[in-house]
Amino acid sequence: AVYRARVTDPTQFDTGFTASLVSALARKFAAAFGETVTSEQQA
């Protein structure tokens, strides 16, 4: 089989993939923490 494998070891990631993963996570974190930030500000 020729396939794209699930790579879990971050030391195998290339720099472009790491940068893309950081940006994708940051967008999701901003959305996930948005409600929490609002609640903290209200408190």
PDB file of all heavy atoms in Angstrom:
ATOM      1  N   ALA A   1       0.831  -1.205   0.000  1.00  0.00           N
ATOM      2  CA  ALA A   1       0.000   0.000   0.000  1.00  0.00           C
ATOM      3  C   ALA A   1       0.865   1.254   0.000  1.00  0.00           C
ATOM      4  O   ALA A   1       1.907   1.305   0.662  1.00  0.00           O
ATOM      5  CB  ALA A   1      -0.915   0.011   1.226  1.00  0.00           C
ATOM      6  N   VAL A   2       0.424   2.241  -0.761  1.00  0.00           N
ATOM      7  CA  VAL A   2       1.021   3.579  -0.737  1.00  0.00           C
ATOM      8  C   VAL A   2      -0.016   4.493  -0.092  1.00  0.00           C
ATOM      9  O   VAL A   2      -1.140   4.598  -0.588  1.00  0.00           O
ATOM     10  CB  VAL A   2       1.357   4.069  -2.158  1.00  0.00           C
ATOM     11  CG1 VAL A   2       1.994   5.450  -2.103  1.00  0.00           C
ATOM     12  CG2 VAL A   2       2.259   3.079  -2.871  1.00  0.00           C
ATOM     13  N   TYR A   3       0.352   5.136   1.003  1.00  0.00           N
ATOM     14  CA  TYR A   3      -0.662   5.904   1.727  1.00  0.00           C
ATOM     15  C   TYR A   3      -0.057   7.029   2.549  1.00  0.00           C
ATOM     16  O   TYR A   3       1.153   7.107   2.743  1.00  0.00           O
ATOM     17  CB  TYR A   3      -1.473   4.981   2.635  1.00  0.00           C
ATOM     18  CG  TYR A   3      -0.698   4.246   3.700  1.00  0.00           C
ATOM     19  CD1 TYR A   3      -0.570   4.769   4.990  1.00  0.00           C
ATOM     20  CD2 TYR A   3      -0.114   3.001   3.448  1.00  0.00           C
ATOM     21  CE1 TYR A   3       0.122   4.082   5.978  1.00  0.00           C
ATOM     22  CE2 TYR A   3       0.573   2.313   4.428  1.00  0.00           C
ATOM     23  CZ  TYR A   3       0.684   2.860   5.689  1.00  0.00           C
ATOM     24  OH  TYR A   3       1.373   2.178   6.675  1.00  0.00           O
ATOM     25  N   ARG A   4      -0.953   7.917   3.006  1.00  0.00           N
ATOM     26  CA  ARG A   4      -0.579   8.946   3.966  1.00  0.00           C
ATOM     27  C   ARG A   4      -0.782   8.366   5.354  1.00  0.00           C
ATOM     28  O   ARG A   4      -1.869   7.922   5.705  1.00  0.00           O
ATOM     29  CB  ARG A   4      -1.440  10.195   3.803  1.00  0.00           C
ATOM     30  CG  ARG A   4      -1.238  10.925   2.486  1.00  0.00           C
ATOM     31  CD  ARG A   4      -2.076  12.204   2.451  1.00  0.00           C
ATOM     32  NE  ARG A   4      -2.019  12.827   1.134  1.00  0.00           N
ATOM     33  CZ  ARG A   4      -3.074  13.287   0.481  1.00  0.00           C
ATOM     34  NH1 ARG A   4      -4.268  13.185   1.021  1.00  0.00           N
ATOM     35  NH2 ARG A   4      -2.949  13.860  -0.698  1.00  0.00           N
ATOM     36  N   ALA A   5       0.276   8.392   6.144  1.00  0.00           N
ATOM     37  CA  ALA A   5       0.229   7.766   7.462  1.00  0.00           C
ATOM     38  C   ALA A   5      -0.079   8.781   8.552  1.00  0.00           C
ATOM     39  O   ALA A   5       0.208   9.979   8.423  1.00  0.00           O
ATOM     40  CB  ALA A   5       1.565   7.086   7.769  1.00  0.00           C
ATOM     41  N   ARG A   6      -0.675   8.301   9.634  1.00  0.00           N
ATOM     42  CA  ARG A   6      -0.883   9.123  10.825  1.00  0.00           C
ATOM     43  C   ARG A   6       0.453   9.200  11.573  1.00  0.00           C
ATOM     44  O   ARG A   6       0.901   8.216  12.164  1.00  0.00           O
ATOM     45  CB  ARG A   6      -1.966   8.515  11.717  1.00  0.00           C
ATOM     46  CG  ARG A   6      -2.184   9.274  13.033  1.00  0.00           C
ATOM     47  CD  ARG A   6      -3.216   8.595  13.908  1.00  0.00           C
ATOM     48  NE  ARG A   6      -4.540   8.663  13.320  1.00  0.00           N
ATOM     49  CZ  ARG A   6      -5.159   7.639  12.747  1.00  0.00           C
ATOM     50  NH1 ARG A   6      -4.563   6.442  12.686  1.00  0.00           N
ATOM     51  NH2 ARG A   6      -6.371   7.782  12.225  1.00  0.00           N
ATOM     52  N   VAL A   7       1.064  10.356  11.566  1.00  0.00           N
ATOM     53  CA  VAL A   7       2.345  10.569  12.239  1.00  0.00           C
ATOM     54  C   VAL A   7       2.054  11.311  13.543  1.00  0.00           C
ATOM     55  O   VAL A   7       1.521  12.423  13.530  1.00  0.00           O
ATOM     56  CB  VAL A   7       3.308  11.389  11.364  1.00  0.00           C
ATOM     57  CG1 VAL A   7       4.630  11.604  12.081  1.00  0.00           C
ATOM     58  CG2 VAL A   7       3.526  10.694  10.028  1.00  0.00           C
ATOM     59  N   THR A   8       2.402  10.712  14.668  1.00  0.00           N
ATOM     60  CA  THR A   8       2.101  11.308  15.972  1.00  0.00           C
ATOM     61  C   THR A   8       3.317  11.912  16.660  1.00  0.00           C
ATOM     62  O   THR A   8       3.166  12.651  17.635  1.00  0.00           O
ATOM     63  CB  THR A   8       1.484  10.249  16.902  1.00  0.00           C
ATOM     64  OG1 THR A   8       2.403   9.155  17.067  1.00  0.00           O
ATOM     65  CG2 THR A   8       0.173   9.710  16.323  1.00  0.00           C
ATOM     66  N   ASP A   9       4.510  11.606  16.180  1.00  0.00           N
ATOM     67  CA  ASP A   9       5.731  12.113  16.795  1.00  0.00           C
ATOM     68  C   ASP A   9       6.053  13.501  16.237  1.00  0.00           C
ATOM     69  O   ASP A   9       6.410  13.632  15.059  1.00  0.00           O
ATOM     70  CB  ASP A   9       6.889  11.156  16.505  1.00  0.00           C
ATOM     71  CG  ASP A   9       8.197  11.596  17.157  1.00  0.00           C
ATOM     72  OD1 ASP A   9       8.205  12.644  17.839  1.00  0.00           O
ATOM     73  OD2 ASP A   9       9.209  10.891  16.978  1.00  0.00           O
ATOM     74  N   PRO A  10       5.944  14.568  17.041  1.00  0.00           N
ATOM     75  CA  PRO A  10       6.182  15.930  16.531  1.00  0.00           C
ATOM     76  C   PRO A  10       7.591  16.146  15.988  1.00  0.00           C
ATOM     77  O   PRO A  10       7.791  17.038  15.166  1.00  0.00           O
ATOM     78  CB  PRO A  10       5.930  16.814  17.762  1.00  0.00           C
ATOM     79  CG  PRO A  10       5.040  16.009  18.652  1.00  0.00           C
ATOM     80  CD  PRO A  10       5.481  14.589  18.444  1.00  0.00           C
ATOM     81  N   THR A  11       8.559  15.335  16.420  1.00  0.00           N
ATOM     82  CA  THR A  11       9.924  15.514  15.911  1.00  0.00           C
ATOM     83  C   THR A  11      10.030  15.119  14.444  1.00  0.00           C
ATOM     84  O   THR A  11      11.022  15.461  13.781  1.00  0.00           O
ATOM     85  CB  THR A  11      10.933  14.698  16.739  1.00  0.00           C
ATOM     86  OG1 THR A  11      10.627  13.297  16.623  1.00  0.00           O
ATOM     87  CG2 THR A  11      10.894  15.102  18.200  1.00  0.00           C
ATOM     88  N   GLN A  12       9.036  14.410  13.907  1.00  0.00           N
ATOM     89  CA  GLN A  12       9.036  14.038  12.496  1.00  0.00           C
ATOM     90  C   GLN A  12       8.335  15.066  11.614  1.00  0.00           C
ATOM     91  O   GLN A  12       8.421  15.007  10.387  1.00  0.00           O
ATOM     92  CB  GLN A  12       8.373  12.666  12.318  1.00  0.00           C
ATOM     93  CG  GLN A  12       9.109  11.533  12.996  1.00  0.00           C
ATOM     94  CD  GLN A  12       8.460  10.186  12.716  1.00  0.00           C
ATOM     95  OE1 GLN A  12       7.918   9.957  11.645  1.00  0.00           O
ATOM     96  NE2 GLN A  12       8.508   9.281  13.684  1.00  0.00           N
ATOM     97  N   PHE A  13       7.606  16.019  12.232  1.00  0.00           N
ATOM     98  CA  PHE A  13       6.913  17.035  11.448  1.00  0.00           C
ATOM     99  C   PHE A  13       7.923  17.961  10.777  1.00  0.00           C
ATOM    100  O   PHE A  13       8.948  18.302  11.389  1.00  0.00           O
ATOM    101  CB  PHE A  13       5.995  17.885  12.332  1.00  0.00           C
ATOM    102  CG  PHE A  13       4.916  17.124  13.045  1.00  0.00           C
ATOM    103  CD1 PHE A  13       4.259  17.685  14.136  1.00  0.00           C
ATOM    104  CD2 PHE A  13       4.539  15.848  12.648  1.00  0.00           C
ATOM    105  CE1 PHE A  13       3.263  17.007  14.801  1.00  0.00           C
ATOM    106  CE2 PHE A  13       3.542  15.153  13.309  1.00  0.00           C
ATOM    107  CZ  PHE A  13       2.902  15.738  14.397  1.00  0.00           C
ATOM    108  N   ASP A  14       7.637  18.392   9.551  1.00  0.00           N
ATOM    109  CA  ASP A  14       8.485  19.425   8.967  1.00  0.00           C
ATOM    110  C   ASP A  14       7.986  20.792   9.427  1.00  0.00           C
ATOM    111  O   ASP A  14       6.898  20.918  10.002  1.00  0.00           O
ATOM    112  CB  ASP A  14       8.573  19.303   7.444  1.00  0.00           C
ATOM    113  CG  ASP A  14       7.245  19.475   6.742  1.00  0.00           C
ATOM    114  OD1 ASP A  14       6.378  20.200   7.251  1.00  0.00           O
ATOM    115  OD2 ASP A  14       7.062  18.893   5.655  1.00  0.00           O
ATOM    116  N   THR A  15       8.783  21.830   9.178  1.00  0.00           N
ATOM    117  CA  THR A  15       8.466  23.149   9.724  1.00  0.00           C
ATOM    118  C   THR A  15       7.164  23.713   9.157  1.00  0.00           C
ATOM    119  O   THR A  15       6.416  24.385   9.872  1.00  0.00           O
ATOM    120  CB  THR A  15       9.617  24.125   9.434  1.00  0.00           C
ATOM    121  OG1 THR A  15       9.903  24.119   8.027  1.00  0.00           O
ATOM    122  CG2 THR A  15      10.868  23.730  10.201  1.00  0.00           C
ATOM    123  N   GLY A  16       6.901  23.449   7.890  1.00  0.00           N
ATOM    124  CA  GLY A  16       5.663  23.941   7.292  1.00  0.00           C
ATOM    125  C   GLY A  16       4.437  23.319   7.921  1.00  0.00           C
ATOM    126  O   GLY A  16       3.432  24.006   8.173  1.00  0.00           O
ATOM    127  N   PHE A  17       4.506  22.015   8.195  1.00  0.00           N
ATOM    128  CA  PHE A  17       3.368  21.348   8.829  1.00  0.00           C
ATOM    129  C   PHE A  17       3.172  21.865  10.247  1.00  0.00           C
ATOM    130  O   PHE A  17       2.037  22.122  10.675  1.00  0.00           O
ATOM    131  CB  PHE A  17       3.582  19.836   8.853  1.00  0.00           C
ATOM    132  CG  PHE A  17       2.455  19.081   9.519  1.00  0.00           C
ATOM    133  CD1 PHE A  17       1.304  18.768   8.820  1.00  0.00           C
ATOM    134  CD2 PHE A  17       2.535  18.716  10.857  1.00  0.00           C
ATOM    135  CE1 PHE A  17       0.252  18.094   9.433  1.00  0.00           C
ATOM    136  CE2 PHE A  17       1.494  18.046  11.474  1.00  0.00           C
ATOM    137  CZ  PHE A  17       0.352  17.727  10.750  1.00  0.00           C
ATOM    138  N   THR A  18       4.261  22.026  11.000  1.00  0.00           N
ATOM    139  CA  THR A  18       4.150  22.527  12.372  1.00  0.00           C
ATOM    140  C   THR A  18       3.515  23.905  12.403  1.00  0.00           C
ATOM    141  O   THR A  18       2.628  24.175  13.226  1.00  0.00           O
ATOM    142  CB  THR A  18       5.541  22.581  13.036  1.00  0.00           C
ATOM    143  OG1 THR A  18       6.092  21.264  13.066  1.00  0.00           O
ATOM    144  CG2 THR A  18       5.440  23.103  14.460  1.00  0.00           C
ATOM    145  N   ALA A  19       3.936  24.784  11.502  1.00  0.00           N
ATOM    146  CA  ALA A  19       3.369  26.130  11.452  1.00  0.00           C
ATOM    147  C   ALA A  19       1.879  26.085  11.116  1.00  0.00           C
ATOM    148  O   ALA A  19       1.067  26.817  11.721  1.00  0.00           O
ATOM    149  CB  ALA A  19       4.108  26.974  10.424  1.00  0.00           C
ATOM    150  N   SER A  20       1.497  25.219  10.187  1.00  0.00           N
ATOM    151  CA  SER A  20       0.079  25.089   9.820  1.00  0.00           C
ATOM    152  C   SER A  20      -0.743  24.525  10.973  1.00  0.00           C
ATOM    153  O   SER A  20      -1.871  24.952  11.209  1.00  0.00           O
ATOM    154  CB  SER A  20      -0.062  24.187   8.588  1.00  0.00           C
ATOM    155  OG  SER A  20       0.588  24.747   7.473  1.00  0.00           O
ATOM    156  N   LEU A  21      -0.175  23.550  11.699  1.00  0.00           N
ATOM    157  CA  LEU A  21      -0.872  22.953  12.834  1.00  0.00           C
ATOM    158  C   LEU A  21      -1.054  23.973  13.956  1.00  0.00           C
ATOM    159  O   LEU A  21      -2.123  24.055  14.576  1.00  0.00           O
ATOM    160  CB  LEU A  21      -0.100  21.734  13.337  1.00  0.00           C
ATOM    161  CG  LEU A  21      -0.688  20.978  14.529  1.00  0.00           C
ATOM    162  CD1 LEU A  21      -2.121  20.545  14.251  1.00  0.00           C
ATOM    163  CD2 LEU A  21       0.171  19.766  14.884  1.00  0.00           C
ATOM    164  N   VAL A  22      -0.027  24.772  14.222  1.00  0.00           N
ATOM    165  CA  VAL A  22      -0.125  25.814  15.255  1.00  0.00           C
ATOM    166  C   VAL A  22      -1.232  26.801  14.901  1.00  0.00           C
ATOM    167  O   VAL A  22      -2.067  27.157  15.748  1.00  0.00           O
ATOM    168  CB  VAL A  22       1.224  26.535  15.426  1.00  0.00           C
ATOM    169  CG1 VAL A  22       1.054  27.812  16.259  1.00  0.00           C
ATOM    170  CG2 VAL A  22       2.237  25.619  16.094  1.00  0.00           C
ATOM    171  N   SER A  23      -1.272  27.239  13.662  1.00  0.00           N
ATOM    172  CA  SER A  23      -2.283  28.211  13.232  1.00  0.00           C
ATOM    173  C   SER A  23      -3.689  27.622  13.306  1.00  0.00           C
ATOM    174  O   SER A  23      -4.627  28.294  13.751  1.00  0.00           O
ATOM    175  CB  SER A  23      -1.989  28.681  11.803  1.00  0.00           C
ATOM    176  OG  SER A  23      -0.774  29.390  11.746  1.00  0.00           O
ATOM    177  N   ALA A  24      -3.832  26.366  12.880  1.00  0.00           N
ATOM    178  CA  ALA A  24      -5.153  25.727  12.925  1.00  0.00           C
ATOM    179  C   ALA A  24      -5.629  25.558  14.360  1.00  0.00           C
ATOM    180  O   ALA A  24      -6.807  25.798  14.674  1.00  0.00           O
ATOM    181  CB  ALA A  24      -5.089  24.373  12.220  1.00  0.00           C
ATOM    182  N   LEU A  25      -4.723  25.155  15.255  1.00  0.00           N
ATOM    183  CA  LEU A  25      -5.092  25.017  16.667  1.00  0.00           C
ATOM    184  C   LEU A  25      -5.419  26.372  17.278  1.00  0.00           C
ATOM    185  O   LEU A  25      -6.362  26.484  18.082  1.00  0.00           O
ATOM    186  CB  LEU A  25      -3.954  24.358  17.440  1.00  0.00           C
ATOM    187  CG  LEU A  25      -3.811  22.842  17.306  1.00  0.00           C
ATOM    188  CD1 LEU A  25      -2.516  22.375  17.961  1.00  0.00           C
ATOM    189  CD2 LEU A  25      -4.999  22.120  17.934  1.00  0.00           C
ATOM    190  N   ALA A  26      -4.660  27.401  16.921  1.00  0.00           N
ATOM    191  CA  ALA A  26      -4.899  28.729  17.482  1.00  0.00           C
ATOM    192  C   ALA A  26      -6.300  29.222  17.144  1.00  0.00           C
ATOM    193  O   ALA A  26      -6.991  29.801  17.995  1.00  0.00           O
ATOM    194  CB  ALA A  26      -3.853  29.713  16.960  1.00  0.00           C
ATOM    195  N   ARG A  27      -6.742  28.989  15.910  1.00  0.00           N
ATOM    196  CA  ARG A  27      -8.099  29.401  15.522  1.00  0.00           C
ATOM    197  C   ARG A  27      -9.150  28.657  16.336  1.00  0.00           C
ATOM    198  O   ARG A  27     -10.152  29.238  16.775  1.00  0.00           O
ATOM    199  CB  ARG A  27      -8.311  29.159  14.026  1.00  0.00           C
ATOM    200  CG  ARG A  27      -7.502  30.079  13.130  1.00  0.00           C
ATOM    201  CD  ARG A  27      -7.953  29.978  11.685  1.00  0.00           C
ATOM    202  NE  ARG A  27      -7.700  28.660  11.123  1.00  0.00           N
ATOM    203  CZ  ARG A  27      -6.571  28.311  10.507  1.00  0.00           C
ATOM    204  NH1 ARG A  27      -5.577  29.184  10.414  1.00  0.00           N
ATOM    205  NH2 ARG A  27      -6.418  27.101  10.001  1.00  0.00           N
ATOM    206  N   LYS A  28      -8.930  27.362  16.556  1.00  0.00           N
ATOM    207  CA  LYS A  28      -9.889  26.588  17.344  1.00  0.00           C
ATOM    208  C   LYS A  28      -9.843  26.985  18.814  1.00  0.00           C
ATOM    209  O   LYS A  28     -10.878  27.027  19.490  1.00  0.00           O
ATOM    210  CB  LYS A  28      -9.611  25.089  17.181  1.00  0.00           C
ATOM    211  CG  LYS A  28      -9.902  24.573  15.780  1.00  0.00           C
ATOM    212  CD  LYS A  28      -9.766  23.070  15.693  1.00  0.00           C
ATOM    213  CE  LYS A  28     -10.127  22.559  14.312  1.00  0.00           C
ATOM    214  NZ  LYS A  28     -10.075  21.072  14.222  1.00  0.00           N
ATOM    215  N   PHE A  29      -8.639  27.259  19.332  1.00  0.00           N
ATOM    216  CA  PHE A  29      -8.526  27.710  20.725  1.00  0.00           C
ATOM    217  C   PHE A  29      -9.244  29.035  20.917  1.00  0.00           C
ATOM    218  O   PHE A  29      -9.931  29.250  21.934  1.00  0.00           O
ATOM    219  CB  PHE A  29      -7.053  27.864  21.119  1.00  0.00           C
ATOM    220  CG  PHE A  29      -6.323  26.565  21.338  1.00  0.00           C
ATOM    221  CD1 PHE A  29      -4.945  26.533  21.396  1.00  0.00           C
ATOM    222  CD2 PHE A  29      -7.019  25.376  21.482  1.00  0.00           C
ATOM    223  CE1 PHE A  29      -4.268  25.336  21.595  1.00  0.00           C
ATOM    224  CE2 PHE A  29      -6.355  24.173  21.683  1.00  0.00           C
ATOM    225  CZ  PHE A  29      -4.968  24.156  21.733  1.00  0.00           C
ATOM    226  N   ALA A  30      -9.086  29.952  19.970  1.00  0.00           N
ATOM    227  CA  ALA A  30      -9.736  31.256  20.086  1.00  0.00           C
ATOM    228  C   ALA A  30     -11.249  31.095  20.160  1.00  0.00           C
ATOM    229  O   ALA A  30     -11.920  31.777  20.954  1.00  0.00           O
ATOM    230  CB  ALA A  30      -9.350  32.141  18.900  1.00  0.00           C
ATOM    231  N   ALA A  31     -11.793  30.176  19.350  1.00  0.00           N
ATOM    232  CA  ALA A  31     -13.238  29.933  19.387  1.00  0.00           C
ATOM    233  C   ALA A  31     -13.650  29.225  20.675  1.00  0.00           C
ATOM    234  O   ALA A  31     -14.656  29.568  21.300  1.00  0.00           O
ATOM    235  CB  ALA A  31     -13.653  29.105  18.177  1.00  0.00           C
ATOM    236  N   ALA A  32     -12.846  28.240  21.099  1.00  0.00           N
ATOM    237  CA  ALA A  32     -13.191  27.463  22.297  1.00  0.00           C
ATOM    238  C   ALA A  32     -13.107  28.295  23.565  1.00  0.00           C
ATOM    239  O   ALA A  32     -13.934  28.156  24.480  1.00  0.00           O
ATOM    240  CB  ALA A  32     -12.270  26.255  22.408  1.00  0.00           C
ATOM    241  N   PHE A  33     -12.105  29.179  23.639  1.00  0.00           N
ATOM    242  CA  PHE A  33     -11.916  29.985  24.835  1.00  0.00           C
ATOM    243  C   PHE A  33     -12.705  31.288  24.797  1.00  0.00           C
ATOM    244  O   PHE A  33     -12.738  32.010  25.786  1.00  0.00           O
ATOM    245  CB  PHE A  33     -10.433  30.320  25.035  1.00  0.00           C
ATOM    246  CG  PHE A  33      -9.603  29.155  25.468  1.00  0.00           C
ATOM    247  CD1 PHE A  33      -8.591  28.658  24.658  1.00  0.00           C
ATOM    248  CD2 PHE A  33      -9.836  28.544  26.689  1.00  0.00           C
ATOM    249  CE1 PHE A  33      -7.824  27.576  25.049  1.00  0.00           C
ATOM    250  CE2 PHE A  33      -9.074  27.458  27.092  1.00  0.00           C
ATOM    251  CZ  PHE A  33      -8.066  26.974  26.272  1.00  0.00           C
ATOM    252  N   GLY A  34     -13.347  31.604  23.679  1.00  0.00           N
ATOM    253  CA  GLY A  34     -14.067  32.869  23.573  1.00  0.00           C
ATOM    254  C   GLY A  34     -15.142  33.030  24.621  1.00  0.00           C
ATOM    255  O   GLY A  34     -15.261  34.066  25.278  1.00  0.00           O
ATOM    256  N   GLU A  35     -15.938  31.980  24.835  1.00  0.00           N
ATOM    257  CA  GLU A  35     -17.010  32.041  25.829  1.00  0.00           C
ATOM    258  C   GLU A  35     -16.434  32.170  27.225  1.00  0.00           C
ATOM    259  O   GLU A  35     -16.965  32.886  28.064  1.00  0.00           O
ATOM    260  CB  GLU A  35     -17.881  30.784  25.716  1.00  0.00           C
ATOM    261  CG  GLU A  35     -19.083  30.793  26.661  1.00  0.00           C
ATOM    262  CD  GLU A  35     -19.973  29.575  26.460  1.00  0.00           C
ATOM    263  OE1 GLU A  35     -19.808  28.888  25.442  1.00  0.00           O
ATOM    264  OE2 GLU A  35     -20.818  29.332  27.334  1.00  0.00           O
ATOM    265  N   THR A  36     -15.317  31.467  27.476  1.00  0.00           N
ATOM    266  CA  THR A  36     -14.685  31.540  28.787  1.00  0.00           C
ATOM    267  C   THR A  36     -14.162  32.939  29.066  1.00  0.00           C
ATOM    268  O   THR A  36     -14.318  33.479  30.163  1.00  0.00           O
ATOM    269  CB  THR A  36     -13.521  30.531  28.867  1.00  0.00           C
ATOM    270  OG1 THR A  36     -14.033  29.224  28.633  1.00  0.00           O
ATOM    271  CG2 THR A  36     -12.854  30.574  30.221  1.00  0.00           C
ATOM    272  N   VAL A  37     -13.549  33.556  28.048  1.00  0.00           N
ATOM    273  CA  VAL A  37     -13.016  34.905  28.214  1.00  0.00           C
ATOM    274  C   VAL A  37     -14.131  35.881  28.517  1.00  0.00           C
ATOM    275  O   VAL A  37     -14.021  36.740  29.396  1.00  0.00           O
ATOM    276  CB  VAL A  37     -12.250  35.324  26.941  1.00  0.00           C
ATOM    277  CG1 VAL A  37     -11.884  36.796  26.996  1.00  0.00           C
ATOM    278  CG2 VAL A  37     -11.003  34.479  26.765  1.00  0.00           C
ATOM    279  N   THR A  38     -15.252  35.741  27.786  1.00  0.00           N
ATOM    280  CA  THR A  38     -16.396  36.620  28.023  1.00  0.00           C
ATOM    281  C   THR A  38     -16.918  36.462  29.439  1.00  0.00           C
ATOM    282  O   THR A  38     -17.227  37.447  30.123  1.00  0.00           O
ATOM    283  CB  THR A  38     -17.522  36.321  27.018  1.00  0.00           C
ATOM    284  OG1 THR A  38     -17.016  36.514  25.692  1.00  0.00           O
ATOM    285  CG2 THR A  38     -18.702  37.237  27.232  1.00  0.00           C
ATOM    286  N   SER A  39     -17.027  35.233  29.921  1.00  0.00           N
ATOM    287  CA  SER A  39     -17.504  34.980  31.284  1.00  0.00           C
ATOM    288  C   SER A  39     -16.569  35.582  32.317  1.00  0.00           C
ATOM    289  O   SER A  39     -17.007  36.174  33.313  1.00  0.00           O
ATOM    290  CB  SER A  39     -17.651  33.475  31.517  1.00  0.00           C
ATOM    291  OG  SER A  39     -18.574  32.918  30.615  1.00  0.00           O
ATOM    292  N   GLU A  40     -15.256  35.448  32.072  1.00  0.00           N
ATOM    293  CA  GLU A  40     -14.284  36.011  33.006  1.00  0.00           C
ATOM    294  C   GLU A  40     -14.375  37.536  33.039  1.00  0.00           C
ATOM    295  O   GLU A  40     -14.293  38.147  34.099  1.00  0.00           O
ATOM    296  CB  GLU A  40     -12.869  35.573  32.600  1.00  0.00           C
ATOM    297  CG  GLU A  40     -12.611  34.086  32.811  1.00  0.00           C
ATOM    298  CD  GLU A  40     -11.254  33.659  32.281  1.00  0.00           C
ATOM    299  OE1 GLU A  40     -10.605  34.494  31.599  1.00  0.00           O
ATOM    300  OE2 GLU A  40     -10.849  32.511  32.537  1.00  0.00           O
ATOM    301  N   GLN A  41     -14.561  38.155  31.865  1.00  0.00           N
ATOM    302  CA  GLN A  41     -14.693  39.599  31.811  1.00  0.00           C
ATOM    303  C   GLN A  41     -15.953  40.060  32.534  1.00  0.00           C
ATOM    304  O   GLN A  41     -15.940  41.054  33.271  1.00  0.00           O
ATOM    305  CB  GLN A  41     -14.717  40.063  30.357  1.00  0.00           C
ATOM    306  CG  GLN A  41     -13.387  39.915  29.630  1.00  0.00           C
ATOM    307  CD  GLN A  41     -13.488  40.257  28.169  1.00  0.00           C
ATOM    308  OE1 GLN A  41     -14.584  40.289  27.604  1.00  0.00           O
ATOM    309  NE2 GLN A  41     -12.344  40.498  27.537  1.00  0.00           N
ATOM    310  N   GLN A  42     -17.050  39.339  32.329  1.00  0.00           N
ATOM    311  CA  GLN A  42     -18.300  39.685  33.003  1.00  0.00           C
ATOM    312  C   GLN A  42     -18.163  39.567  34.512  1.00  0.00           C
ATOM    313  O   GLN A  42     -18.657  40.418  35.269  1.00  0.00           O
ATOM    314  CB  GLN A  42     -19.437  38.788  32.499  1.00  0.00           C
ATOM    315  CG  GLN A  42     -19.850  39.066  31.061  1.00  0.00           C
ATOM    316  CD  GLN A  42     -20.893  38.098  30.563  1.00  0.00           C
ATOM    317  OE1 GLN A  42     -21.133  37.033  31.174  1.00  0.00           O
ATOM    318  NE2 GLN A  42     -21.525  38.423  29.454  1.00  0.00           N
ATOM    319  N   ALA A  43     -17.461  38.501  34.971  1.00  0.00           N
ATOM    320  CA  ALA A  43     -17.264  38.337  36.413  1.00  0.00           C
ATOM    321  C   ALA A  43     -16.407  39.462  36.977  1.00  0.00           C
ATOM    322  O   ALA A  43     -16.684  39.986  38.068  1.00  0.00           O
ATOM    323  CB  ALA A  43     -16.612  36.983  36.686  1.00  0.00           C
TER     324      ALA A  43
END
